[in-house]
Amino acid sequence: MTLYIEEETEVSFPFDYKELAKSVINAALDHEEFPYEVEVSLTFMDKDGIQEANRDFRQIDRPTDVLSFPMLDFPAPGDFSELEGMNDITNPETDDVVLGDIVLCVPKIYEQAEEYGHSVKREYAFLIAHSMLHLMGYDHMEDEERVEMEKRQKEILDILKIYRFEEEETNEKLN
């Protein structure tokens, strides 16, 4: 896996955010049984930067927590059967499938962690897992799709033992 990181704002998380990003991306790829090596770009922005991107790409003029920019269309979410026959989906230098871009808003990660009552690490990992599912064709426009995405996000974070609440971590340690 090739991960490109661009920091358009100061990034100072209380954990190794580059390694955690790689772990979440790999866990998502493994969970979904993605059959090829991938290239993903991860960009960190402040509220002004992500608001501008949100306005430009989604016509929504407000900051958001994460934006996902998939590079591929799939027949169905998680259906990678047609990748082999597709042209121009790999980086010629690495032969990795160019999956897409993830844009995170650093201040929103902190705000939402506090709002939802879990760690900044959990919020960060959650947003990357969420975005990776978008890059693999999942969406949450319909209620059924939302339920499916939430289930998969939880499964990916459970693999990494990153839980929403510390009680779940304590219970995991006791078992």
Protein backbone atom coordinates (compact mmCIF):
# COMPACT_ATOMS: atom_id res chain seq x y z
CA MET A 1 0.00 0.00 0.00
CA THR A 2 1.20 3.46 -0.86
CA LEU A 3 -0.05 6.28 1.35
CA TYR A 4 0.59 9.87 0.38
CA ILE A 5 0.10 12.39 3.19
CA GLU A 6 -0.31 16.12 2.72
CA GLU A 7 -0.55 18.45 5.69
CA GLU A 8 -2.24 21.71 4.77
CA THR A 9 -2.64 22.51 8.47
CA GLU A 10 -0.77 21.66 11.64
CA VAL A 11 -1.23 18.02 12.61
CA SER A 12 -0.44 17.16 16.23
CA PHE A 13 -2.40 14.16 17.40
CA PRO A 14 -1.47 12.37 20.65
CA PHE A 15 -0.70 9.17 18.68
CA ASP A 16 1.28 8.16 15.60
CA TYR A 17 -1.31 9.32 13.08
CA LYS A 18 0.62 8.11 10.04
CA GLU A 19 0.94 4.56 11.35
CA LEU A 20 -2.68 4.53 12.52
CA ALA A 21 -3.85 5.70 9.09
CA LYS A 22 -1.93 2.83 7.47
CA SER A 23 -3.39 0.34 9.96
CA VAL A 24 -6.97 1.48 9.39
CA ILE A 25 -6.56 1.53 5.61
CA ASN A 26 -5.07 -1.97 5.62
CA ALA A 27 -7.77 -3.27 7.98
CA ALA A 28 -10.48 -1.83 5.70
CA LEU A 29 -8.87 -3.37 2.61
CA ASP A 30 -8.51 -6.76 4.34
CA HIS A 31 -12.06 -6.62 5.70
CA GLU A 32 -13.45 -5.94 2.24
CA GLU A 33 -11.04 -8.43 0.62
CA PHE A 34 -9.71 -5.85 -1.83
CA PRO A 35 -7.62 -7.94 -4.24
CA TYR A 36 -4.83 -5.50 -5.15
CA GLU A 37 -2.26 -3.18 -3.63
CA VAL A 38 -3.58 0.37 -3.46
CA GLU A 39 -2.57 3.98 -3.47
CA VAL A 40 -4.48 6.35 -1.18
CA SER A 41 -3.91 10.06 -0.55
CA LEU A 42 -4.66 11.54 2.86
CA THR A 43 -4.86 15.32 3.25
CA PHE A 44 -5.24 17.21 6.53
CA MET A 45 -7.02 20.58 6.45
CA ASP A 46 -8.31 23.22 8.81
CA LYS A 47 -11.97 24.30 8.85
CA ASP A 48 -11.53 27.02 6.23
CA GLY A 49 -9.77 24.65 3.82
CA ILE A 50 -12.31 21.87 4.10
CA GLN A 51 -15.20 24.35 3.89
CA GLU A 52 -13.79 25.61 0.59
CA ALA A 53 -13.37 22.04 -0.70
CA ASN A 54 -16.87 21.10 0.50
CA ARG A 55 -18.30 24.17 -1.28
CA ASP A 56 -16.35 23.52 -4.48
CA PHE A 57 -17.05 19.79 -4.76
CA ARG A 58 -20.39 19.29 -2.99
CA GLN A 59 -21.92 22.79 -3.15
CA ILE A 60 -22.28 22.74 0.65
CA ASP A 61 -20.81 25.91 2.14
CA ARG A 62 -19.78 24.73 5.61
CA PRO A 63 -16.93 22.79 7.18
CA THR A 64 -17.27 19.02 7.32
CA ASP A 65 -15.29 16.31 9.08
CA VAL A 66 -14.18 14.26 6.09
CA LEU A 67 -14.43 14.25 2.31
CA SER A 68 -13.90 11.16 0.17
CA PHE A 69 -12.94 11.25 -3.47
CA PRO A 70 -13.18 7.76 -5.01
CA MET A 71 -11.26 7.26 -8.23
CA LEU A 72 -13.17 4.13 -9.31
CA ASP A 73 -16.75 3.08 -9.89
CA PHE A 74 -17.77 -0.40 -8.84
CA PRO A 75 -20.76 -2.47 -10.05
CA ALA A 76 -21.90 -2.63 -6.41
CA PRO A 77 -20.33 -1.70 -3.05
CA GLY A 78 -17.41 -4.00 -2.37
CA ASP A 79 -17.71 -5.69 -5.79
CA PHE A 80 -14.21 -5.61 -7.24
CA SER A 81 -14.86 -8.22 -9.96
CA GLU A 82 -14.44 -5.80 -12.87
CA LEU A 83 -11.13 -4.26 -11.77
CA GLU A 84 -8.98 -6.69 -13.70
CA GLY A 85 -10.45 -5.59 -17.03
CA MET A 86 -10.27 -1.87 -16.33
CA ASN A 87 -7.60 0.29 -17.94
CA ASP A 88 -5.75 3.20 -16.36
CA ILE A 89 -6.58 2.34 -12.75
CA THR A 90 -3.01 1.89 -11.56
CA ASN A 91 -0.10 4.19 -10.97
CA PRO A 92 2.40 3.11 -13.67
CA GLU A 93 5.33 3.72 -11.30
CA THR A 94 4.06 1.45 -8.50
CA ASP A 95 1.38 -0.67 -10.20
CA ASP A 96 -0.88 0.13 -7.20
CA VAL A 97 -4.58 0.68 -7.87
CA VAL A 98 -5.30 4.37 -7.34
CA LEU A 99 -8.25 4.08 -4.96
CA GLY A 100 -8.81 7.74 -4.12
CA ASP A 101 -8.36 10.63 -1.73
CA ILE A 102 -9.38 11.21 1.87
CA VAL A 103 -9.51 14.74 3.26
CA LEU A 104 -9.76 15.16 7.05
CA CYS A 105 -10.50 18.30 9.05
CA VAL A 106 -8.24 18.23 12.11
CA PRO A 107 -10.31 20.61 14.29
CA LYS A 108 -13.52 18.66 13.53
CA ILE A 109 -11.86 15.43 14.68
CA TYR A 110 -11.21 16.99 18.09
CA GLU A 111 -14.69 18.57 18.26
CA GLN A 112 -16.50 15.37 17.35
CA ALA A 113 -14.46 13.21 19.71
CA GLU A 114 -15.56 15.48 22.55
CA GLU A 115 -19.15 15.68 21.29
CA TYR A 116 -19.50 11.89 20.98
CA GLY A 117 -17.62 11.15 24.19
CA HIS A 118 -14.82 9.02 22.79
CA SER A 119 -11.12 9.45 22.10
CA VAL A 120 -9.56 11.56 19.37
CA LYS A 121 -7.82 8.38 18.20
CA ARG A 122 -11.17 6.63 17.80
CA GLU A 123 -12.71 9.54 15.88
CA TYR A 124 -9.69 9.73 13.57
CA ALA A 125 -9.74 5.98 12.90
CA PHE A 126 -13.51 6.00 12.41
CA LEU A 127 -13.36 8.76 9.78
CA ILE A 128 -10.65 6.93 7.84
CA ALA A 129 -12.59 3.64 7.97
CA HIS A 130 -15.73 5.50 6.86
CA SER A 131 -13.89 7.14 3.98
CA MET A 132 -12.23 3.89 2.90
CA LEU A 133 -15.67 2.31 2.55
CA HIS A 134 -16.68 5.23 0.32
CA LEU A 135 -13.54 4.63 -1.77
CA MET A 136 -14.68 1.01 -2.19
CA GLY A 137 -18.14 1.94 -3.41
CA TYR A 138 -20.23 2.16 -0.25
CA ASP A 139 -22.59 5.02 0.49
CA HIS A 140 -25.16 6.00 3.10
CA MET A 141 -27.78 7.90 1.16
CA GLU A 142 -30.49 5.33 1.92
CA ASP A 143 -31.22 3.95 5.39
CA GLU A 144 -30.29 0.40 4.39
CA GLU A 145 -26.93 1.62 3.03
CA ARG A 146 -26.27 3.61 6.20
CA VAL A 147 -26.91 0.57 8.41
CA GLU A 148 -24.56 -1.55 6.26
CA MET A 149 -21.79 1.07 6.37
CA GLU A 150 -22.11 1.49 10.13
CA LYS A 151 -21.83 -2.29 10.60
CA ARG A 152 -18.72 -2.49 8.43
CA GLN A 153 -17.10 0.55 10.08
CA LYS A 154 -17.57 -1.04 13.51
CA GLU A 155 -16.17 -4.37 12.29
CA ILE A 156 -13.05 -2.66 10.89
CA LEU A 157 -12.43 -0.74 14.12
CA ASP A 158 -13.12 -3.87 16.21
CA ILE A 159 -10.37 -5.67 14.27
CA LEU A 160 -7.99 -2.93 15.42
CA LYS A 161 -9.45 -2.95 18.96
CA ILE A 162 -10.43 0.70 18.63
CA TYR A 163 -13.70 1.04 20.46
CA ARG A 164 -16.17 3.86 20.81
CA PHE A 165 -16.17 3.84 24.58
CA GLU A 166 -13.45 2.95 27.02
CA GLU A 167 -15.78 0.47 28.79
CA GLU A 168 -15.63 -1.68 25.66
CA GLU A 169 -11.82 -1.61 25.82
CA THR A 170 -11.92 -2.60 29.50
CA ASN A 171 -14.32 -5.47 28.76
CA GLU A 172 -12.06 -6.62 25.92
CA LYS A 173 -9.07 -6.74 28.28
CA LEU A 174 -11.03 -8.77 30.83
CA ASN A 175 -12.08 -11.41 28.30
